[in-house]
């Protein structure tokens, strides 16, 4: 992968941001579901790559191991 700069935004609902982007012209690539995140990519008019990501916000701790938290992400609306 080439080194460079990318603008990354963490949002509550990446699908809603993708729908808004598509309604206004840009066509984001995605979704890509990985590691408890839903990610969309696009290039800004300046050529700067950008991604917007929604993540699972369920708590992880001694009583909730990471494997359990990453099993599904109802806040983002998709299973892993």
PDB file of N, CA and C in Angstrom:
ATOM      1  N   UNK A   1       0.846  -1.171   0.000  1.00  0.00           N
ATOM      2  CA  UNK A   1       0.000   0.000   0.000  1.00  0.00           C
ATOM      3  C   UNK A   1       0.893   1.237   0.000  1.00  0.00           C
ATOM      4  N   UNK A   2       0.524   2.213  -0.779  1.00  0.00           N
ATOM      5  CA  UNK A   2       1.270   3.457  -0.845  1.00  0.00           C
ATOM      6  C   UNK A   2       1.091   4.257   0.433  1.00  0.00           C
ATOM      7  N   UNK A   3       2.159   4.929   0.833  1.00  0.00           N
ATOM      8  CA  UNK A   3       2.022   5.801   1.995  1.00  0.00           C
ATOM      9  C   UNK A   3       1.348   7.096   1.569  1.00  0.00           C
ATOM     10  N   UNK A   4       0.706   7.745   2.503  1.00  0.00           N
ATOM     11  CA  UNK A   4       0.024   8.989   2.177  1.00  0.00           C
ATOM     12  C   UNK A   4      -0.898   9.407   3.294  1.00  0.00           C
ATOM     13  N   UNK A   5      -1.729  10.361   3.000  1.00  0.00           N
ATOM     14  CA  UNK A   5      -2.651  10.913   3.973  1.00  0.00           C
ATOM     15  C   UNK A   5      -4.073  10.567   3.586  1.00  0.00           C
ATOM     16  N   UNK A   6      -4.889  10.207   4.576  1.00  0.00           N
ATOM     17  CA  UNK A   6      -6.300   9.916   4.344  1.00  0.00           C
ATOM     18  C   UNK A   6      -7.109  10.566   5.454  1.00  0.00           C
ATOM     19  N   UNK A   7      -8.178  11.212   5.096  1.00  0.00           N
ATOM     20  CA  UNK A   7      -9.115  11.758   6.074  1.00  0.00           C
ATOM     21  C   UNK A   7     -10.061  10.639   6.479  1.00  0.00           C
ATOM     22  N   UNK A   8     -10.147  10.345   7.776  1.00  0.00           N
ATOM     23  CA  UNK A   8     -11.025   9.298   8.276  1.00  0.00           C
ATOM     24  C   UNK A   8     -11.983   9.910   9.292  1.00  0.00           C
ATOM     25  N   UNK A   9     -13.272   9.693   9.063  1.00  0.00           N
ATOM     26  CA  UNK A   9     -14.299  10.195   9.971  1.00  0.00           C
ATOM     27  C   UNK A   9     -15.018   9.019  10.614  1.00  0.00           C
ATOM     28  N   UNK A  10     -15.174   9.057  11.920  1.00  0.00           N
ATOM     29  CA  UNK A  10     -15.960   8.048  12.634  1.00  0.00           C
ATOM     30  C   UNK A  10     -17.343   8.642  12.838  1.00  0.00           C
ATOM     31  N   UNK A  11     -18.364   7.953  12.329  1.00  0.00           N
ATOM     32  CA  UNK A  11     -19.739   8.459  12.360  1.00  0.00           C
ATOM     33  C   UNK A  11     -20.644   7.432  13.041  1.00  0.00           C
ATOM     34  N   UNK A  12     -21.850   7.857  13.400  1.00  0.00           N
ATOM     35  CA  UNK A  12     -22.801   6.946  14.040  1.00  0.00           C
ATOM     36  C   UNK A  12     -23.371   5.923  13.072  1.00  0.00           C
ATOM     37  N   UNK A  13     -23.607   6.322  11.814  1.00  0.00           N
ATOM     38  CA  UNK A  13     -24.256   5.450  10.833  1.00  0.00           C
ATOM     39  C   UNK A  13     -23.633   5.674   9.455  1.00  0.00           C
ATOM     40  N   UNK A  14     -22.655   4.846   9.114  1.00  0.00           N
ATOM     41  CA  UNK A  14     -21.945   5.000   7.835  1.00  0.00           C
ATOM     42  C   UNK A  14     -22.884   4.826   6.641  1.00  0.00           C
ATOM     43  N   UNK A  15     -23.897   3.958   6.770  1.00  0.00           N
ATOM     44  CA  UNK A  15     -24.847   3.758   5.668  1.00  0.00           C
ATOM     45  C   UNK A  15     -25.619   5.042   5.365  1.00  0.00           C
ATOM     46  N   UNK A  16     -26.011   5.765   6.398  1.00  0.00           N
ATOM     47  CA  UNK A  16     -26.733   7.031   6.199  1.00  0.00           C
ATOM     48  C   UNK A  16     -25.833   8.068   5.534  1.00  0.00           C
ATOM     49  N   UNK A  17     -24.561   8.123   5.935  1.00  0.00           N
ATOM     50  CA  UNK A  17     -23.628   9.056   5.300  1.00  0.00           C
ATOM     51  C   UNK A  17     -23.403   8.684   3.835  1.00  0.00           C
ATOM     52  N   UNK A  18     -23.334   7.393   3.537  1.00  0.00           N
ATOM     53  CA  UNK A  18     -23.171   6.957   2.147  1.00  0.00           C
ATOM     54  C   UNK A  18     -24.382   7.357   1.312  1.00  0.00           C
ATOM     55  N   UNK A  19     -25.577   7.190   1.861  1.00  0.00           N
ATOM     56  CA  UNK A  19     -26.796   7.573   1.137  1.00  0.00           C
ATOM     57  C   UNK A  19     -26.820   9.077   0.882  1.00  0.00           C
ATOM     58  N   UNK A  20     -26.411   9.867   1.872  1.00  0.00           N
ATOM     59  CA  UNK A  20     -26.364  11.318   1.702  1.00  0.00           C
ATOM     60  C   UNK A  20     -25.340  11.702   0.639  1.00  0.00           C
ATOM     61  N   UNK A  21     -24.175  11.063   0.666  1.00  0.00           N
ATOM     62  CA  UNK A  21     -23.147  11.348  -0.346  1.00  0.00           C
ATOM     63  C   UNK A  21     -23.667  11.022  -1.742  1.00  0.00           C
ATOM     64  N   UNK A  22     -24.282   9.858  -1.903  1.00  0.00           N
ATOM     65  CA  UNK A  22     -24.799   9.459  -3.221  1.00  0.00           C
ATOM     66  C   UNK A  22     -25.881  10.418  -3.717  1.00  0.00           C
ATOM     67  N   UNK A  23     -26.679  10.942  -2.811  1.00  0.00           N
ATOM     68  CA  UNK A  23     -27.747  11.878  -3.186  1.00  0.00           C
ATOM     69  C   UNK A  23     -27.176  13.222  -3.640  1.00  0.00           C
ATOM     70  N   UNK A  24     -25.935  13.498  -3.250  1.00  0.00           N
ATOM     71  CA  UNK A  24     -25.320  14.787  -3.573  1.00  0.00           C
ATOM     72  C   UNK A  24     -24.189  14.686  -4.586  1.00  0.00           C
ATOM     73  N   UNK A  25     -24.011  13.533  -5.217  1.00  0.00           N
ATOM     74  CA  UNK A  25     -23.037  13.435  -6.298  1.00  0.00           C
ATOM     75  C   UNK A  25     -21.943  12.406  -6.133  1.00  0.00           C
ATOM     76  N   UNK A  26     -21.154  12.446  -5.047  1.00  0.00           N
ATOM     77  CA  UNK A  26     -20.065  11.468  -4.921  1.00  0.00           C
ATOM     78  C   UNK A  26     -20.603  10.045  -4.812  1.00  0.00           C
ATOM     79  N   UNK A  27     -19.842   9.095  -5.305  1.00  0.00           N
ATOM     80  CA  UNK A  27     -20.228   7.682  -5.240  1.00  0.00           C
ATOM     81  C   UNK A  27     -19.226   6.941  -4.374  1.00  0.00           C
ATOM     82  N   UNK A  28     -19.505   6.794  -3.072  1.00  0.00           N
ATOM     83  CA  UNK A  28     -18.563   6.085  -2.207  1.00  0.00           C
ATOM     84  C   UNK A  28     -18.474   4.605  -2.555  1.00  0.00           C
ATOM     85  N   UNK A  29     -17.288   4.037  -2.380  1.00  0.00           N
ATOM     86  CA  UNK A  29     -17.059   2.607  -2.562  1.00  0.00           C
ATOM     87  C   UNK A  29     -17.348   1.918  -1.234  1.00  0.00           C
ATOM     88  N   UNK A  30     -18.084   0.846  -1.267  1.00  0.00           N
ATOM     89  CA  UNK A  30     -18.341   0.093  -0.052  1.00  0.00           C
ATOM     90  C   UNK A  30     -19.787  -0.317   0.028  1.00  0.00           C
ATOM     91  N   UNK A  31     -20.162  -0.911   1.102  1.00  0.00           N
ATOM     92  CA  UNK A  31     -19.456  -0.962   2.371  1.00  0.00           C
ATOM     93  C   UNK A  31     -18.449  -2.099   2.444  1.00  0.00           C
ATOM     94  N   UNK A  32     -17.461  -1.927   3.316  1.00  0.00           N
ATOM     95  CA  UNK A  32     -16.515  -2.966   3.684  1.00  0.00           C
ATOM     96  C   UNK A  32     -16.732  -3.196   5.177  1.00  0.00           C
ATOM     97  N   UNK A  33     -17.083  -4.411   5.552  1.00  0.00           N
ATOM     98  CA  UNK A  33     -17.314  -4.762   6.951  1.00  0.00           C
ATOM     99  C   UNK A  33     -16.109  -5.535   7.459  1.00  0.00           C
ATOM    100  N   UNK A  34     -15.406  -4.974   8.438  1.00  0.00           N
ATOM    101  CA  UNK A  34     -14.212  -5.638   8.966  1.00  0.00           C
ATOM    102  C   UNK A  34     -13.971  -5.197  10.409  1.00  0.00           C
ATOM    103  N   UNK A  35     -13.631  -6.147  11.265  1.00  0.00           N
ATOM    104  CA  UNK A  35     -13.239  -5.887  12.648  1.00  0.00           C
ATOM    105  C   UNK A  35     -14.250  -5.031  13.413  1.00  0.00           C
ATOM    106  N   UNK A  36     -15.526  -5.267  13.202  1.00  0.00           N
ATOM    107  CA  UNK A  36     -16.542  -4.517  13.932  1.00  0.00           C
ATOM    108  C   UNK A  36     -16.786  -3.122  13.397  1.00  0.00           C
ATOM    109  N   UNK A  37     -16.317  -2.857  12.193  1.00  0.00           N
ATOM    110  CA  UNK A  37     -16.506  -1.538  11.575  1.00  0.00           C
ATOM    111  C   UNK A  37     -17.162  -1.690  10.210  1.00  0.00           C
ATOM    112  N   UNK A  38     -17.951  -0.716   9.812  1.00  0.00           N
ATOM    113  CA  UNK A  38     -18.486  -0.630   8.449  1.00  0.00           C
ATOM    114  C   UNK A  38     -17.836   0.601   7.840  1.00  0.00           C
ATOM    115  N   UNK A  39     -17.141   0.414   6.701  1.00  0.00           N
ATOM    116  CA  UNK A  39     -16.318   1.468   6.115  1.00  0.00           C
ATOM    117  C   UNK A  39     -16.742   1.733   4.678  1.00  0.00           C
ATOM    118  N   UNK A  40     -16.811   3.012   4.319  1.00  0.00           N
ATOM    119  CA  UNK A  40     -17.001   3.468   2.940  1.00  0.00           C
ATOM    120  C   UNK A  40     -15.823   4.362   2.571  1.00  0.00           C
ATOM    121  N   UNK A  41     -15.407   4.319   1.307  1.00  0.00           N
ATOM    122  CA  UNK A  41     -14.287   5.115   0.829  1.00  0.00           C
ATOM    123  C   UNK A  41     -14.730   6.006  -0.319  1.00  0.00           C
ATOM    124  N   UNK A  42     -14.106   7.163  -0.440  1.00  0.00           N
ATOM    125  CA  UNK A  42     -14.278   8.011  -1.616  1.00  0.00           C
ATOM    126  C   UNK A  42     -13.094   8.954  -1.716  1.00  0.00           C
ATOM    127  N   UNK A  43     -12.976   9.629  -2.851  1.00  0.00           N
ATOM    128  CA  UNK A  43     -11.922  10.630  -3.053  1.00  0.00           C
ATOM    129  C   UNK A  43     -12.590  12.004  -3.093  1.00  0.00           C
ATOM    130  N   UNK A  44     -12.039  12.934  -2.328  1.00  0.00           N
ATOM    131  CA  UNK A  44     -12.555  14.300  -2.329  1.00  0.00           C
ATOM    132  C   UNK A  44     -12.164  14.991  -3.628  1.00  0.00           C
ATOM    133  N   UNK A  45     -12.766  16.131  -3.920  1.00  0.00           N
ATOM    134  CA  UNK A  45     -12.474  16.850  -5.165  1.00  0.00           C
ATOM    135  C   UNK A  45     -10.997  17.185  -5.297  1.00  0.00           C
ATOM    136  N   UNK A  46     -10.311  17.394  -4.185  1.00  0.00           N
ATOM    137  CA  UNK A  46      -8.880  17.701  -4.208  1.00  0.00           C
ATOM    138  C   UNK A  46      -8.033  16.465  -4.485  1.00  0.00           C
ATOM    139  N   UNK A  47      -8.669  15.274  -4.492  1.00  0.00           N
ATOM    140  CA  UNK A  47      -7.941  14.026  -4.687  1.00  0.00           C
ATOM    141  C   UNK A  47      -7.588  13.331  -3.383  1.00  0.00           C
ATOM    142  N   UNK A  48      -7.845  13.984  -2.255  1.00  0.00           N
ATOM    143  CA  UNK A  48      -7.553  13.396  -0.949  1.00  0.00           C
ATOM    144  C   UNK A  48      -8.479  12.205  -0.704  1.00  0.00           C
ATOM    145  N   UNK A  49      -7.914  11.035  -0.399  1.00  0.00           N
ATOM    146  CA  UNK A  49      -8.762   9.894  -0.064  1.00  0.00           C
ATOM    147  C   UNK A  49      -9.443  10.115   1.279  1.00  0.00           C
ATOM    148  N   UNK A  50     -10.664   9.617   1.389  1.00  0.00           N
ATOM    149  CA  UNK A  50     -11.447   9.785   2.612  1.00  0.00           C
ATOM    150  C   UNK A  50     -12.194   8.497   2.905  1.00  0.00           C
ATOM    151  N   UNK A  51     -12.386   8.216   4.185  1.00  0.00           N
ATOM    152  CA  UNK A  51     -13.248   7.101   4.576  1.00  0.00           C
ATOM    153  C   UNK A  51     -14.137   7.570   5.712  1.00  0.00           C
ATOM    154  N   UNK A  52     -15.322   6.969   5.791  1.00  0.00           N
ATOM    155  CA  UNK A  52     -16.158   7.176   6.962  1.00  0.00           C
ATOM    156  C   UNK A  52     -16.547   5.820   7.503  1.00  0.00           C
ATOM    157  N   UNK A  53     -16.503   5.736   8.824  1.00  0.00           N
ATOM    158  CA  UNK A  53     -16.548   4.464   9.529  1.00  0.00           C
ATOM    159  C   UNK A  53     -17.584   4.537  10.647  1.00  0.00           C
ATOM    160  N   UNK A  54     -18.417   3.502  10.760  1.00  0.00           N
ATOM    161  CA  UNK A  54     -19.252   3.375  11.961  1.00  0.00           C
ATOM    162  C   UNK A  54     -18.762   2.144  12.703  1.00  0.00           C
ATOM    163  N   UNK A  55     -18.720   2.247  14.016  1.00  0.00           N
ATOM    164  CA  UNK A  55     -18.172   1.173  14.836  1.00  0.00           C
ATOM    165  C   UNK A  55     -19.208   0.701  15.847  1.00  0.00           C
ATOM    166  N   UNK A  56     -19.007  -0.503  16.323  1.00  0.00           N
ATOM    167  CA  UNK A  56     -19.856  -1.054  17.369  1.00  0.00           C
ATOM    168  C   UNK A  56     -19.486  -0.393  18.677  1.00  0.00           C
ATOM    169  N   UNK A  57     -20.455   0.120  19.406  1.00  0.00           N
ATOM    170  CA  UNK A  57     -20.183   0.857  20.629  1.00  0.00           C
ATOM    171  C   UNK A  57     -20.533   0.063  21.892  1.00  0.00           C
ATOM    172  N   UNK A  58     -20.664  -1.265  21.767  1.00  0.00           N
ATOM    173  CA  UNK A  58     -20.963  -2.058  22.948  1.00  0.00           C
ATOM    174  C   UNK A  58     -19.716  -2.145  23.832  1.00  0.00           C
ATOM    175  N   UNK A  59     -19.878  -2.073  25.153  1.00  0.00           N
ATOM    176  CA  UNK A  59     -18.711  -2.100  26.037  1.00  0.00           C
ATOM    177  C   UNK A  59     -17.980  -3.431  25.980  1.00  0.00           C
ATOM    178  N   UNK A  60     -16.672  -3.370  26.141  1.00  0.00           N
ATOM    179  CA  UNK A  60     -15.825  -4.561  26.187  1.00  0.00           C
ATOM    180  C   UNK A  60     -15.098  -4.521  27.523  1.00  0.00           C
ATOM    181  N   UNK A  61     -15.084  -5.626  28.221  1.00  0.00           N
ATOM    182  CA  UNK A  61     -14.418  -5.671  29.514  1.00  0.00           C
ATOM    183  C   UNK A  61     -14.322  -7.094  30.007  1.00  0.00           C
ATOM    184  N   UNK A  62     -14.038  -7.279  31.306  1.00  0.00           N
ATOM    185  CA  UNK A  62     -13.854  -8.631  31.831  1.00  0.00           C
ATOM    186  C   UNK A  62     -15.092  -9.508  31.673  1.00  0.00           C
ATOM    187  N   UNK A  63     -16.277  -8.904  31.721  1.00  0.00           N
ATOM    188  CA  UNK A  63     -17.508  -9.685  31.588  1.00  0.00           C
ATOM    189  C   UNK A  63     -18.013  -9.739  30.150  1.00  0.00           C
ATOM    190  N   UNK A  64     -17.344  -9.049  29.250  1.00  0.00           N
ATOM    191  CA  UNK A  64     -17.750  -9.037  27.830  1.00  0.00           C
ATOM    192  C   UNK A  64     -16.490  -9.058  26.982  1.00  0.00           C
ATOM    193  N   UNK A  65     -15.983 -10.262  26.651  1.00  0.00           N
ATOM    194  CA  UNK A  65     -14.741 -10.348  25.878  1.00  0.00           C
ATOM    195  C   UNK A  65     -14.904  -9.760  24.486  1.00  0.00           C
ATOM    196  N   UNK A  66     -13.789  -9.381  23.896  1.00  0.00           N
ATOM    197  CA  UNK A  66     -13.823  -8.751  22.580  1.00  0.00           C
ATOM    198  C   UNK A  66     -14.469  -9.650  21.530  1.00  0.00           C
ATOM    199  N   UNK A  67     -14.267 -10.967  21.630  1.00  0.00           N
ATOM    200  CA  UNK A  67     -14.868 -11.870  20.645  1.00  0.00           C
ATOM    201  C   UNK A  67     -16.388 -11.761  20.669  1.00  0.00           C
ATOM    202  N   UNK A  68     -16.960 -11.584  21.851  1.00  0.00           N
ATOM    203  CA  UNK A  68     -18.403 -11.444  21.981  1.00  0.00           C
ATOM    204  C   UNK A  68     -18.865 -10.111  21.408  1.00  0.00           C
ATOM    205  N   UNK A  69     -18.139  -9.040  21.701  1.00  0.00           N
ATOM    206  CA  UNK A  69     -18.526  -7.707  21.225  1.00  0.00           C
ATOM    207  C   UNK A  69     -18.419  -7.608  19.713  1.00  0.00           C
ATOM    208  N   UNK A  70     -17.461  -8.333  19.119  1.00  0.00           N
ATOM    209  CA  UNK A  70     -17.282  -8.254  17.677  1.00  0.00           C
ATOM    210  C   UNK A  70     -18.162  -9.238  16.927  1.00  0.00           C
ATOM    211  N   UNK A  71     -18.940 -10.051  17.655  1.00  0.00           N
ATOM    212  CA  UNK A  71     -19.809 -11.022  17.001  1.00  0.00           C
ATOM    213  C   UNK A  71     -20.908 -10.391  16.190  1.00  0.00           C
ATOM    214  N   UNK A  72     -21.377  -9.237  16.596  1.00  0.00           N
ATOM    215  CA  UNK A  72     -22.386  -8.513  15.843  1.00  0.00           C
ATOM    216  C   UNK A  72     -22.337  -7.060  16.275  1.00  0.00           C
ATOM    217  N   UNK A  73     -22.920  -6.217  15.468  1.00  0.00           N
ATOM    218  CA  UNK A  73     -22.897  -4.806  15.775  1.00  0.00           C
ATOM    219  C   UNK A  73     -24.273  -4.225  15.482  1.00  0.00           C
ATOM    220  N   UNK A  74     -25.223  -4.393  16.406  1.00  0.00           N
ATOM    221  CA  UNK A  74     -26.574  -3.911  16.145  1.00  0.00           C
ATOM    222  C   UNK A  74     -26.633  -2.395  15.964  1.00  0.00           C
ATOM    223  N   UNK A  75     -25.709  -1.652  16.566  1.00  0.00           N
ATOM    224  CA  UNK A  75     -25.723  -0.198  16.405  1.00  0.00           C
ATOM    225  C   UNK A  75     -25.477   0.172  14.959  1.00  0.00           C
ATOM    226  N   UNK A  76     -24.646  -0.581  14.269  1.00  0.00           N
ATOM    227  CA  UNK A  76     -24.362  -0.314  12.856  1.00  0.00           C
ATOM    228  C   UNK A  76     -25.293  -1.102  11.951  1.00  0.00           C
ATOM    229  N   UNK A  77     -26.029  -2.074  12.502  1.00  0.00           N
ATOM    230  CA  UNK A  77     -27.028  -2.803  11.734  1.00  0.00           C
ATOM    231  C   UNK A  77     -26.479  -3.931  10.873  1.00  0.00           C
ATOM    232  N   UNK A  78     -25.350  -4.537  11.243  1.00  0.00           N
ATOM    233  CA  UNK A  78     -24.836  -5.624  10.427  1.00  0.00           C
ATOM    234  C   UNK A  78     -24.159  -6.669  11.302  1.00  0.00           C
ATOM    235  N   UNK A  79     -24.261  -7.952  10.929  1.00  0.00           N
ATOM    236  CA  UNK A  79     -23.528  -9.004  11.636  1.00  0.00           C
ATOM    237  C   UNK A  79     -22.120  -9.129  11.065  1.00  0.00           C
ATOM    238  N   UNK A  80     -21.221  -9.683  11.844  1.00  0.00           N
ATOM    239  CA  UNK A  80     -19.853  -9.920  11.353  1.00  0.00           C
ATOM    240  C   UNK A  80     -19.658 -11.379  11.078  1.00  0.00           C
TER     241      UNK A  80
END
